Protein backbone atom coordinates (compact mmCIF):
# COMPACT_ATOMS: atom_id res chain seq x y z
CA MET A 1 164.68 172.81 73.48
CA LYS A 2 165.83 169.49 72.15
CA ARG A 3 163.76 167.65 69.58
CA ALA A 4 163.12 164.82 72.03
CA LYS A 5 161.08 167.14 74.20
CA VAL A 6 158.51 167.68 71.48
CA ILE A 7 158.16 164.13 70.16
CA ALA A 8 155.11 163.38 72.31
CA ILE A 9 153.14 166.31 70.90
CA SER A 10 154.20 165.57 67.33
CA LEU A 11 153.30 161.91 67.64
CA SER A 12 149.90 162.82 69.03
CA ILE A 13 149.19 164.95 65.96
CA LEU A 14 150.60 162.32 63.59
CA MET A 15 148.48 159.62 65.21
CA ILE A 16 145.39 161.68 64.56
CA LEU A 17 146.27 162.35 60.93
CA SER A 18 147.58 158.92 59.96
CA MET A 19 144.15 157.36 60.00
CA PHE A 20 143.11 159.27 56.89
CA ALA A 21 145.02 156.82 54.74
CA ALA A 22 142.93 153.97 56.09
CA CYS A 23 139.56 155.73 55.88
CA LYS A 24 137.38 155.50 52.86
CA SER A 25 137.45 158.53 50.55
CA THR A 26 135.41 161.45 51.83
CA SER A 27 134.57 164.85 50.44
CA GLU A 28 134.84 168.02 52.48
CA LYS A 29 131.08 168.29 52.61
CA GLU A 30 129.57 167.30 55.94
CA PRO A 31 128.12 163.78 55.65
CA GLU A 32 124.48 163.09 56.20
CA PRO A 33 123.79 161.44 59.57
CA THR A 34 122.97 157.76 59.66
CA ALA A 35 119.22 157.46 60.02
CA ASP A 36 119.10 154.72 62.64
CA LYS A 37 121.41 156.64 65.00
CA THR A 38 119.62 159.98 64.79
CA LYS A 39 116.19 158.43 65.16
CA GLU A 40 117.09 156.30 68.17
CA THR A 41 115.68 157.53 71.47
CA VAL A 42 116.68 156.54 74.97
CA LYS A 43 114.30 156.78 77.92
CA THR A 44 115.73 158.13 81.15
CA GLU A 45 114.37 159.72 84.31
CA PRO A 46 113.17 163.29 83.52
CA VAL A 47 115.78 165.87 84.49
CA THR A 48 116.83 169.35 83.40
CA ILE A 49 120.51 170.31 83.16
CA GLU A 50 122.05 173.71 82.53
CA VAL A 51 124.62 173.89 79.74
CA LEU A 52 126.77 176.99 79.17
CA PHE A 53 128.72 176.84 75.91
CA TRP A 54 131.52 178.88 74.35
CA ASP A 55 131.42 178.75 70.56
CA PRO A 56 131.59 182.23 68.99
CA GLU A 57 132.45 180.97 65.49
CA ASN A 58 130.31 177.85 65.26
CA MET A 59 126.96 178.36 67.00
CA GLU A 60 124.89 176.66 64.33
CA SER A 61 126.92 173.45 64.57
CA SER A 62 126.97 173.22 68.36
CA THR A 63 123.23 173.92 68.41
CA LYS A 64 122.84 171.02 65.97
CA VAL A 65 124.60 168.70 68.44
CA MET A 66 122.28 169.78 71.25
CA ASN A 67 119.19 169.28 69.11
CA GLU A 68 120.31 165.79 68.13
CA PHE A 69 120.86 164.99 71.80
CA ARG A 70 117.36 166.22 72.66
CA ALA A 71 115.96 163.91 69.99
CA LYS A 72 117.77 160.90 71.42
CA TYR A 73 117.17 161.72 75.10
CA PRO A 74 113.76 163.41 75.22
CA ASP A 75 113.55 163.09 79.00
CA ILE A 76 116.72 165.15 79.51
CA LYS A 77 115.83 168.81 79.13
CA LEU A 78 118.62 171.19 78.21
CA ASP A 79 118.75 174.74 79.49
CA PHE A 80 121.30 175.60 76.80
CA GLN A 81 122.90 179.02 76.55
CA TYR A 82 125.95 180.55 74.93
CA MET A 83 128.59 182.45 76.85
CA THR A 84 128.94 186.13 76.05
CA GLY A 85 131.59 188.78 76.58
CA GLY A 86 135.37 188.70 76.49
CA GLY A 87 136.17 185.12 77.37
CA ILE A 88 135.37 181.91 79.21
CA ASN A 89 136.84 182.76 82.58
CA GLN A 90 134.88 186.00 82.70
CA ASN A 91 131.71 183.93 82.36
CA ILE A 92 132.67 181.28 84.91
CA GLN A 93 134.24 183.34 87.71
CA PRO A 94 130.95 185.02 88.74
CA ARG A 95 129.22 181.64 88.74
CA VAL A 96 131.86 180.26 91.11
CA THR A 97 131.44 183.27 93.37
CA ALA A 98 127.68 182.69 93.40
CA ASN A 99 128.13 178.92 93.92
CA ASN A 100 126.01 178.37 90.84
CA LEU A 101 128.05 176.51 88.23
CA PRO A 102 126.21 175.05 85.21
CA ASP A 103 125.99 171.26 85.10
CA MET A 104 128.15 171.18 81.95
CA PHE A 105 130.11 174.08 80.55
CA SER A 106 132.95 175.01 78.22
CA PHE A 107 136.29 175.51 79.92
CA SER A 108 139.96 175.66 79.02
CA ALA A 109 142.69 173.57 80.59
CA GLY A 110 145.13 175.65 82.59
CA ALA A 111 145.87 177.19 85.96
CA TYR A 112 142.34 178.37 86.75
CA ALA A 113 140.76 175.08 85.73
CA ASN A 114 143.35 173.18 87.78
CA GLU A 115 142.54 175.34 90.78
CA LEU A 116 138.80 174.67 90.49
CA ALA A 117 139.36 170.96 89.97
CA ASP A 118 141.60 170.65 93.03
CA THR A 119 139.21 172.62 95.24
CA GLY A 120 136.17 170.49 94.46
CA TRP A 121 134.38 172.48 91.78
CA LEU A 122 134.95 170.22 88.76
CA ALA A 123 133.88 166.59 88.49
CA ASP A 124 136.23 163.77 87.54
CA VAL A 125 135.20 162.36 84.15
CA SER A 126 137.81 159.61 83.84
CA ASP A 127 135.04 157.00 83.72
CA THR A 128 133.80 158.32 80.35
CA THR A 129 134.81 157.34 76.83
CA ALA A 130 135.04 161.06 76.06
CA TRP A 131 138.02 161.14 78.40
CA ALA A 132 139.50 157.79 77.38
CA ASN A 133 139.46 158.52 73.64
CA GLN A 134 141.60 161.67 73.88
CA VAL A 135 145.24 161.62 72.83
CA ASP A 136 147.66 161.53 75.76
CA SER A 137 148.79 165.16 75.51
CA LEU A 138 145.20 166.32 75.97
CA LYS A 139 144.64 163.97 78.91
CA GLU A 140 147.72 165.44 80.54
CA ALA A 141 146.48 168.98 79.99
CA PHE A 142 143.07 168.23 81.52
CA THR A 143 144.52 166.56 84.63
CA SER A 144 144.94 168.78 87.70
CA PRO A 145 148.01 168.70 89.97
CA LYS A 146 146.05 166.54 92.44
CA GLY A 147 145.05 164.10 89.70
CA VAL A 148 141.48 165.18 88.92
CA LYS A 149 140.72 164.25 85.31
CA TYR A 150 138.25 167.02 84.74
CA GLY A 151 137.46 167.46 81.06
CA ALA A 152 137.51 166.54 77.40
CA SER A 153 139.02 168.84 74.79
CA ASN A 154 137.40 169.90 71.52
CA GLY A 155 140.69 169.37 69.72
CA LEU A 156 144.43 169.93 69.63
CA GLY A 157 145.10 173.56 68.77
CA ILE A 158 148.09 175.14 67.04
CA ILE A 159 148.62 178.89 66.98
CA THR A 160 148.60 179.80 63.31
CA MET A 161 149.19 182.76 61.04
CA TYR A 162 146.54 182.76 58.32
CA TYR A 163 147.50 184.87 55.32
CA ASN A 164 145.83 186.29 52.22
CA GLN A 165 148.13 185.35 49.37
CA ASP A 166 146.39 187.79 47.02
CA ILE A 167 147.28 190.76 49.25
CA LEU A 168 150.85 189.55 49.67
CA ASP A 169 151.16 189.34 45.88
CA LYS A 170 149.83 192.89 45.48
CA ALA A 171 152.36 194.11 48.05
CA ASN A 172 155.10 192.05 46.35
CA VAL A 173 156.11 190.26 49.55
CA SER A 174 156.63 186.64 50.50
CA VAL A 175 155.08 184.98 53.54
CA PRO A 176 157.21 186.29 56.44
CA LYS A 177 159.07 183.58 58.35
CA ASN A 178 160.84 185.66 61.01
CA TRP A 179 160.66 188.99 62.83
CA ASP A 180 162.73 190.99 60.33
CA GLU A 181 160.71 189.69 57.41
CA LEU A 182 157.47 190.54 59.25
CA MET A 183 158.59 194.13 59.82
CA ASP A 184 159.56 194.50 56.16
CA ALA A 185 156.36 192.89 54.91
CA SER A 186 154.19 195.04 57.18
CA LYS A 187 155.62 198.25 55.73
CA LYS A 188 155.02 197.10 52.16
CA ILE A 189 151.50 195.88 52.96
CA ASN A 190 150.67 199.24 54.52
CA ASP A 191 152.04 200.99 51.42
CA ALA A 192 149.75 198.79 49.29
CA GLY A 193 146.73 200.06 51.22
CA TYR A 194 145.99 197.08 53.48
CA ALA A 195 146.35 196.34 57.17
CA PRO A 196 149.19 193.88 57.80
CA ILE A 197 147.66 191.99 60.76
CA ALA A 198 144.01 192.02 61.89
CA MET A 199 144.28 192.38 65.68
CA ALA A 200 141.47 192.01 68.25
CA ALA A 201 143.08 194.03 71.03
CA ALA A 202 139.73 194.48 72.80
CA HIS A 203 139.53 190.71 73.33
CA THR A 204 141.90 189.36 75.99
CA SER A 205 141.90 185.78 74.70
CA SER A 206 142.95 187.01 71.25
CA ILE A 207 145.84 188.89 72.82
CA ALA A 208 146.89 185.72 74.63
CA HIS A 209 146.76 183.59 71.48
CA ALA A 210 148.16 186.06 68.96
CA LEU A 211 150.74 187.94 71.04
CA SER A 212 151.75 186.69 74.47
CA ALA A 213 151.69 182.94 73.75
CA PRO A 214 154.06 182.93 70.75
CA MET A 215 156.16 185.86 71.97
CA PHE A 216 156.71 184.34 75.40
CA ALA A 217 157.41 180.94 73.83
CA PHE A 218 160.12 182.16 71.48
CA ASN A 219 161.75 184.54 73.97
CA ILE A 220 161.26 182.85 77.35
CA LEU A 221 160.71 179.11 76.90
CA ARG A 222 163.24 178.78 74.08
CA ASN A 223 165.99 180.57 76.01
CA THR A 224 165.11 179.54 79.57
CA PRO A 225 163.05 176.32 79.49
CA GLU A 226 163.37 176.05 83.28
CA ALA A 227 161.06 179.07 83.50
CA LYS A 228 158.06 176.71 83.46
CA LYS A 229 158.98 175.43 86.90
CA SER A 230 159.49 178.87 88.45
CA THR A 231 156.30 180.36 86.97
CA ARG A 232 154.26 177.51 88.44
CA SER A 233 155.97 177.84 91.84
CA LEU A 234 155.38 181.61 91.83
CA GLU A 235 159.09 182.38 91.84
CA TYR A 236 159.67 183.76 88.33
CA ASP A 237 161.09 187.23 87.76
CA TYR A 238 158.95 188.98 85.15
CA SER A 239 161.54 191.73 84.82
CA SER A 240 163.95 189.21 83.26
CA PRO A 241 165.63 190.14 79.96
CA GLU A 242 163.53 187.53 78.16
CA VAL A 243 160.24 189.07 79.30
CA ILE A 244 161.45 192.62 78.58
CA GLU A 245 162.38 191.57 75.05
CA ALA A 246 159.04 189.84 74.49
CA LEU A 247 157.05 192.85 75.72
CA SER A 248 159.22 195.27 73.72
CA LYS A 249 158.54 193.36 70.52
CA ILE A 250 154.79 193.34 71.22
CA LYS A 251 154.96 197.12 71.62
CA ALA A 252 156.99 197.33 68.40
CA LEU A 253 154.17 195.67 66.47
CA ALA A 254 151.91 198.59 67.32
CA ASP A 255 154.63 201.24 66.87
CA ASN A 256 155.45 199.91 63.41
CA LYS A 257 151.78 199.92 62.34
CA CYS A 258 151.54 196.17 61.97
CA PHE A 259 147.88 196.32 63.08
CA GLN A 260 144.87 198.04 61.56
CA GLU A 261 143.75 201.51 62.59
CA GLY A 262 141.56 201.40 65.68
CA PHE A 263 142.83 197.95 66.67
CA MET A 264 142.41 198.69 70.39
CA GLY A 265 138.64 198.78 69.90
CA THR A 266 138.42 195.69 67.69
CA ASP A 267 136.81 192.59 69.20
CA TYR A 268 137.22 188.94 68.20
CA ASN A 269 134.63 188.87 65.43
CA GLY A 270 135.77 192.24 64.17
CA ALA A 271 139.31 191.01 63.57
CA VAL A 272 138.18 187.74 61.99
CA ASN A 273 135.74 189.52 59.68
CA MET A 274 138.38 192.06 58.72
CA PHE A 275 140.60 189.24 57.49
CA LEU A 276 137.74 187.38 55.78
CA ASP A 277 136.62 190.59 54.09
CA GLY A 278 140.03 190.95 52.47
CA LYS A 279 141.06 194.07 54.40
CA ALA A 280 144.02 192.58 56.27
CA ALA A 281 146.84 190.42 54.98
CA MET A 282 147.28 188.25 58.06
CA LEU A 283 145.41 186.96 61.10
CA ILE A 284 147.06 185.18 64.04
CA ASN A 285 144.62 182.76 65.62
CA GLY A 286 144.31 179.00 66.13
CA THR A 287 143.60 175.94 64.03
CA TRP A 288 140.09 175.96 65.52
CA LEU A 289 139.36 178.74 63.00
CA ALA A 290 140.71 176.81 60.01
CA ALA A 291 137.43 175.88 58.33
CA GLN A 292 136.14 179.45 58.46
CA CYS A 293 139.36 180.98 57.15
CA LEU A 294 139.99 178.36 54.48
CA ALA A 295 136.47 178.90 53.12
CA ALA A 296 137.24 182.54 52.27
CA ASP A 297 136.84 183.62 48.64
CA PHE A 298 140.54 184.39 48.24
CA ASN A 299 143.74 182.36 48.32
CA VAL A 300 144.36 181.53 52.00
CA GLY A 301 147.46 179.92 53.44
CA MET A 302 148.58 178.84 56.90
CA ALA A 303 152.03 179.59 58.30
CA LEU A 304 153.99 179.49 61.55
CA VAL A 305 153.90 182.70 63.56
CA PRO A 306 156.97 184.75 62.45
CA PHE A 307 158.03 186.14 65.83
CA THR A 308 161.39 184.32 65.89
CA LYS A 309 164.68 186.07 65.21
CA ALA A 310 166.18 185.84 61.73
CA ASN A 311 169.06 183.69 62.94
CA GLU A 312 166.84 181.27 64.89
CA PRO A 313 164.80 178.30 63.66
CA GLN A 314 161.05 178.71 63.54
CA GLY A 315 158.90 177.29 66.32
CA THR A 316 155.28 176.59 67.08
CA VAL A 317 152.88 176.90 69.99
CA THR A 318 150.34 174.18 70.79
CA ILE A 319 147.38 174.39 73.12
CA PRO A 320 144.54 172.10 74.11
CA GLU A 321 141.42 173.60 72.62
CA THR A 322 138.60 174.64 74.87
CA GLY A 323 136.73 171.58 76.08
CA GLN A 324 133.72 170.62 78.16
CA VAL A 325 133.69 169.97 81.91
CA LEU A 326 131.09 168.98 84.50
CA SER A 327 130.31 170.64 87.80
CA ALA A 328 131.10 168.64 90.92
CA LYS A 329 128.34 170.56 92.69
CA SER A 330 125.51 169.07 90.60
CA SER A 331 123.11 166.52 92.05
CA PRO A 332 123.79 162.86 91.17
CA GLU A 333 120.84 162.88 88.76
CA LYS A 334 122.05 166.01 86.96
CA ASN A 335 125.61 164.72 86.89
CA ALA A 336 124.50 161.46 85.29
CA ALA A 337 122.53 163.36 82.65
CA ALA A 338 125.43 165.72 82.00
CA LYS A 339 127.73 162.74 81.47
CA LYS A 340 125.32 161.40 78.85
CA LEU A 341 125.57 164.74 77.06
CA LEU A 342 129.38 164.73 77.35
CA GLU A 343 129.50 161.22 75.86
CA PHE A 344 127.12 162.16 73.05
CA PHE A 345 128.99 165.36 72.24
CA TYR A 346 132.31 163.54 71.79
CA GLY A 347 130.66 160.43 70.36
CA GLU A 348 128.02 160.19 67.68
CA GLY A 349 127.22 163.89 67.82
CA PHE A 350 130.78 165.14 67.38
CA LYS A 351 130.67 165.09 63.58
CA TYR A 352 128.10 167.89 63.59
CA PHE A 353 130.55 170.02 65.57
CA GLN A 354 133.85 168.90 64.02
CA ASN A 355 133.24 168.95 60.29
CA PRO A 356 132.14 172.61 59.96
CA ARG A 357 135.14 173.64 62.10
CA GLY A 358 137.67 171.38 60.43
CA ASN A 359 139.99 171.45 63.42
CA ILE A 360 142.43 168.78 64.61
CA PRO A 361 140.20 166.34 66.53
CA PRO A 362 141.00 165.20 70.08
CA MET A 363 140.57 161.47 69.53
CA SER A 364 143.31 158.92 69.09
CA GLU A 365 143.65 157.21 65.72
CA ASP A 366 141.60 154.12 66.53
CA LYS A 367 138.71 156.24 67.84
CA TYR A 368 138.60 158.75 64.99
CA PRO A 369 135.52 158.21 62.79
CA CYS A 370 136.13 158.04 59.05
CA GLU A 371 133.00 160.13 58.47
CA MET A 372 134.86 163.18 59.72
CA VAL A 373 136.91 165.34 57.34
CA LEU A 374 140.00 167.56 57.49
CA HIS A 375 141.02 170.20 54.96
CA GLU A 376 144.10 169.42 52.85
CA THR A 377 145.68 172.81 53.66
CA LEU A 378 145.35 172.10 57.37
CA LYS A 379 146.95 168.69 56.92
CA GLY A 380 149.87 170.34 55.16
CA PHE A 381 150.22 172.89 57.95
CA VAL A 382 150.27 170.16 60.58
CA SER A 383 153.14 168.50 58.71
CA LEU A 384 155.02 171.81 58.74
CA ASN A 385 154.23 172.19 62.44
CA ASN A 386 155.71 168.76 63.15
CA SER A 387 159.03 169.80 61.60
CA VAL A 388 159.85 172.47 64.22
CA ASP A 389 160.17 172.69 68.00
CA ALA A 390 156.85 172.95 69.85
CA TYR A 391 156.26 175.09 72.93
CA SER A 392 153.42 175.32 75.45
CA HIS A 393 150.85 178.08 75.44
CA THR A 394 151.10 180.60 78.29
CA SER A 395 147.86 179.25 79.75
CA GLN A 396 149.64 175.96 80.43
CA TYR A 397 152.53 177.23 82.54
CA LEU A 398 151.78 180.69 83.94
CA SER A 399 149.98 180.92 87.28
CA ALA A 400 146.23 181.61 87.25
CA GLY A 401 146.62 185.23 88.30
CA VAL A 402 149.42 186.01 85.87
CA THR A 403 147.61 184.20 83.03
CA ALA A 404 144.65 186.53 83.51
CA GLU A 405 146.79 189.63 84.02
CA VAL A 406 149.14 189.30 81.03
CA PRO A 407 146.61 190.23 78.30
CA LYS A 408 145.22 193.08 80.41
CA GLN A 409 148.70 194.50 80.85
CA ILE A 410 149.42 194.08 77.14
CA GLN A 411 146.31 196.12 76.44
CA GLU A 412 147.80 198.86 78.63
CA LEU A 413 151.11 198.53 76.82
CA LEU A 414 149.59 198.72 73.35
CA SER A 415 147.40 201.70 74.24
CA GLY A 416 150.31 203.64 75.69
CA GLY A 417 148.96 203.44 79.23
CA ALA A 418 151.99 201.57 80.56
CA THR A 419 155.64 201.09 79.70
CA VAL A 420 157.36 197.75 79.26
CA GLU A 421 158.95 198.11 82.68
CA GLN A 422 155.64 198.98 84.32
CA VAL A 423 154.01 195.90 82.79
CA ALA A 424 156.82 193.69 84.07
CA LYS A 425 156.42 195.15 87.57
CA ALA A 426 152.64 194.61 87.45
CA LEU A 427 153.17 190.94 86.58
CA ASN A 428 155.60 190.52 89.47
CA ASP A 429 153.07 192.20 91.77
CA THR A 430 150.32 189.85 90.56
CA GLN A 431 152.51 186.82 91.17
CA ALA A 432 153.38 188.07 94.67
CA SER A 433 149.68 188.44 95.50
CA GLU A 434 149.13 184.76 94.69
CA LYS A 435 151.61 183.48 97.27
C-alpha cells in the first residue's frame, strides 16, 4: 500500500493530537466539572428511553455520564443497562429478531451495522453535533452504503501490543518488532516463567482484535489490497495463499506456546487482568484500553503488533471504536429524548467517559475540549503509528457473515477442532450462504 493511501487516517489522528499544544496545561487527573453546567436542568416532556451500553472496562465512568444526564434532564427517565456476554452483536441480534431494539445502544461500525442501517433499523443522526464533530474517517465508517449516517464513535482505535518491560528485562529480550523476533521472545519469556501473550480465546471480539485483524491486514491487505472489493462483493476466495498463511501463523502462535496455559477458556477480563497482574509479558488489544494498562504498577509500553515478516516494514491496524446509535423504530418522542442523550454524551458529559479511558477522542481539533487529557505514552505511540502504513480492521471490509464467522473458526483452529484448510472452506461456505 502506498503512503498516500494512509494519509487521511494519519491526518485525522494528527488533527486530534495537535490541539494539545494550544490547550492550557492539564494534569492527568480528571478535572472537576464546572458547577454551572452540572447544576443546570432542562425541562422536557416526561419520557422513558431504554439505553443498552457496552463498556466492560469503564462502567463507573459511563454510569457517571448517565447520572449527570439525569440531573440535567430530570423528565427523561433512563432505563439504563449494560450488555453482557461475548460481544455487542450477540446482544443486539436477538433484539432485532424480537423487533425490540433499545432507543439508544452501543454498536460498532461495520457490515452488520451497515445492513441494519440500510434496512431501516438505525436512525440517521446527521443532524446532531455528535455526528458533525467527528473526524472524517469516523464519519465515513459510520455511513452505510445507502448513505445512512447512523452513529457517533467513542474514539479512533489502534490495535496495540501492550508490554511489560520488567518481564522483558527478566527474560533478556527486546520488544519484538516482527514475527521471528516474537517467536524468539516467546520462548525466552516462557523459560523465564511467564506467559508471553495474555489471550482471551473465549471472547470472539478479542480474537478479532488480537489475531484476525492484524494477521489478515499484514498477509491479505498488504499483498492483495484489491481483496477489500471482492470480500464486500462476496467474491473472495478464502482458500487463497494469503489467507492460508494468515491462519497458519495464528495456529503457530498456539503451537509455539505464545499464549498462557488454558487460554481457550480465558475471557476478556481474564486476559486483561492476567497482564495487569504481571503474569504475562504482552497483551494485544486496542488503544481504548490505554488508561487501564498504563496505570499498572509496572513499566508498561505500547508497540505495533509484531506479526509482519522480518524483511517487511511494520504496519498498523486502525478501527473506529464502538459508538452509540439510535433505533429507527422508536417513537418520535423517544427518538428526540435519545438524541438529547447522544448530544450530552459526546458533548459536556464526554469528559467523564474520556478521561478515565484516555483513548484517542473522536472529535476534530476545533471541537476537542482542553479539559480532556491524553497520556504521554499514548501520544508517543500515536506518533509511531503515523510513521507506518495503516490498514483497515476486518470488521470494516469482510461481509457481515464472514466477520462473525472468522473468530468462531479461529477458536476451532486454536483448539484443534479444525485444520487451516477446513477453516478456509468454512469461510467460503459462509460467504456463499450470504449471496
